[in-house]
């Protein structure tokens, strides 16, 4: 792939354990704030780092904790090998990339 990751993304990936990818693809999330708060709490409870990918629903908050980074997009074939785990919406393409 010809993808060039941002400096911020590369720095985040390099500064700790491989993060958990969390993405919702084409799902439309009505209450993104509550969902993001749930993801933050789960990450805290499990001492996990998280890459949160936006797609059809904007997944961002005012104060992203240091163990979490929100991204707009990155090719799954580039991103997933750098992840410790993948949590996603179950779309066929994402399933295939996660295998």
Protein backbone atom coordinates (compact mmCIF):
# COMPACT_ATOMS: atom_id res chain seq x y z
CA UNK A 1 0.00 0.00 0.00
CA UNK A 2 1.12 3.58 -0.66
CA UNK A 3 -0.26 4.80 2.66
CA UNK A 4 1.88 7.26 4.58
CA UNK A 5 0.89 7.45 8.23
CA UNK A 6 0.91 10.76 10.01
CA UNK A 7 3.74 11.51 12.41
CA UNK A 8 1.19 11.50 15.26
CA UNK A 9 -0.01 8.00 14.39
CA UNK A 10 3.52 6.66 14.03
CA UNK A 11 4.52 8.19 17.37
CA UNK A 12 1.46 6.72 19.09
CA UNK A 13 2.18 3.26 17.71
CA UNK A 14 5.83 3.40 18.79
CA UNK A 15 5.31 4.58 22.37
CA UNK A 16 3.83 1.46 23.94
CA UNK A 17 2.20 -1.92 23.59
CA UNK A 18 0.28 -2.57 20.36
CA UNK A 19 -3.12 -0.91 20.70
CA UNK A 20 -6.59 -2.32 20.17
CA UNK A 21 -8.27 -1.13 16.98
CA UNK A 22 -11.90 -0.12 17.51
CA UNK A 23 -13.95 0.77 14.44
CA UNK A 24 -17.60 0.88 13.49
CA UNK A 25 -17.33 1.23 9.69
CA UNK A 26 -20.64 1.99 8.06
CA UNK A 27 -22.64 1.90 11.29
CA UNK A 28 -24.43 5.14 12.15
CA UNK A 29 -23.98 5.78 15.88
CA UNK A 30 -26.55 8.16 17.36
CA UNK A 31 -24.84 8.73 20.72
CA UNK A 32 -21.13 8.72 19.96
CA UNK A 33 -20.28 10.45 23.24
CA UNK A 34 -21.68 7.59 25.35
CA UNK A 35 -20.00 4.98 23.16
CA UNK A 36 -16.64 6.75 23.37
CA UNK A 37 -16.97 6.99 27.16
CA UNK A 38 -17.68 3.23 27.28
CA UNK A 39 -14.58 2.53 25.16
CA UNK A 40 -12.45 4.78 27.38
CA UNK A 41 -13.67 3.01 30.52
CA UNK A 42 -13.03 -0.44 29.00
CA UNK A 43 -9.53 0.63 27.97
CA UNK A 44 -8.82 1.93 31.48
CA UNK A 45 -10.10 -1.27 33.10
CA UNK A 46 -7.93 -3.43 30.84
CA UNK A 47 -4.91 -1.09 30.71
CA UNK A 48 -5.22 -1.05 26.92
CA UNK A 49 -4.24 1.50 24.35
CA UNK A 50 -6.82 2.18 21.61
CA UNK A 51 -6.93 3.38 18.01
CA UNK A 52 -10.49 4.60 17.44
CA UNK A 53 -11.38 4.92 13.76
CA UNK A 54 -14.16 7.18 12.52
CA UNK A 55 -16.12 6.32 9.43
CA UNK A 56 -19.80 7.12 8.95
CA UNK A 57 -20.02 8.41 12.53
CA UNK A 58 -17.49 10.96 13.80
CA UNK A 59 -15.75 9.27 16.75
CA UNK A 60 -13.97 12.02 18.66
CA UNK A 61 -14.17 13.72 22.01
CA UNK A 62 -12.95 16.99 23.47
CA UNK A 63 -10.26 15.45 25.65
CA UNK A 64 -8.92 12.20 24.25
CA UNK A 65 -6.97 10.32 26.94
CA UNK A 66 -3.28 9.72 26.25
CA UNK A 67 -3.88 5.97 25.81
CA UNK A 68 -6.32 6.56 22.94
CA UNK A 69 -5.99 8.05 19.48
CA UNK A 70 -8.78 8.85 17.05
CA UNK A 71 -8.04 8.52 13.34
CA UNK A 72 -10.11 9.16 10.25
CA UNK A 73 -8.79 6.40 8.05
CA UNK A 74 -5.90 4.07 7.42
CA UNK A 75 -5.79 1.00 5.20
CA UNK A 76 -6.57 -2.09 7.24
CA UNK A 77 -3.76 -4.03 5.57
CA UNK A 78 -1.30 -1.43 6.91
CA UNK A 79 -2.91 -0.83 10.30
CA UNK A 80 -4.07 -4.25 11.53
CA UNK A 81 -0.64 -5.94 11.65
CA UNK A 82 0.38 -3.19 14.10
CA UNK A 83 -2.58 -3.87 16.43
CA UNK A 84 -2.80 -6.14 19.45
CA UNK A 85 -6.48 -6.84 18.71
CA UNK A 86 -9.23 -5.72 16.33
CA UNK A 87 -12.78 -4.86 17.46
CA UNK A 88 -15.07 -3.93 14.60
CA UNK A 89 -18.60 -3.83 13.21
CA UNK A 90 -18.42 -7.12 11.31
CA UNK A 91 -18.32 -5.85 7.73
CA UNK A 92 -17.01 -8.40 5.22
CA UNK A 93 -13.97 -6.35 4.20
CA UNK A 94 -12.96 -5.65 7.78
CA UNK A 95 -13.41 -9.30 8.72
CA UNK A 96 -11.18 -10.35 5.81
CA UNK A 97 -8.51 -7.77 6.76
CA UNK A 98 -8.60 -8.89 10.39
CA UNK A 99 -7.90 -12.53 9.60
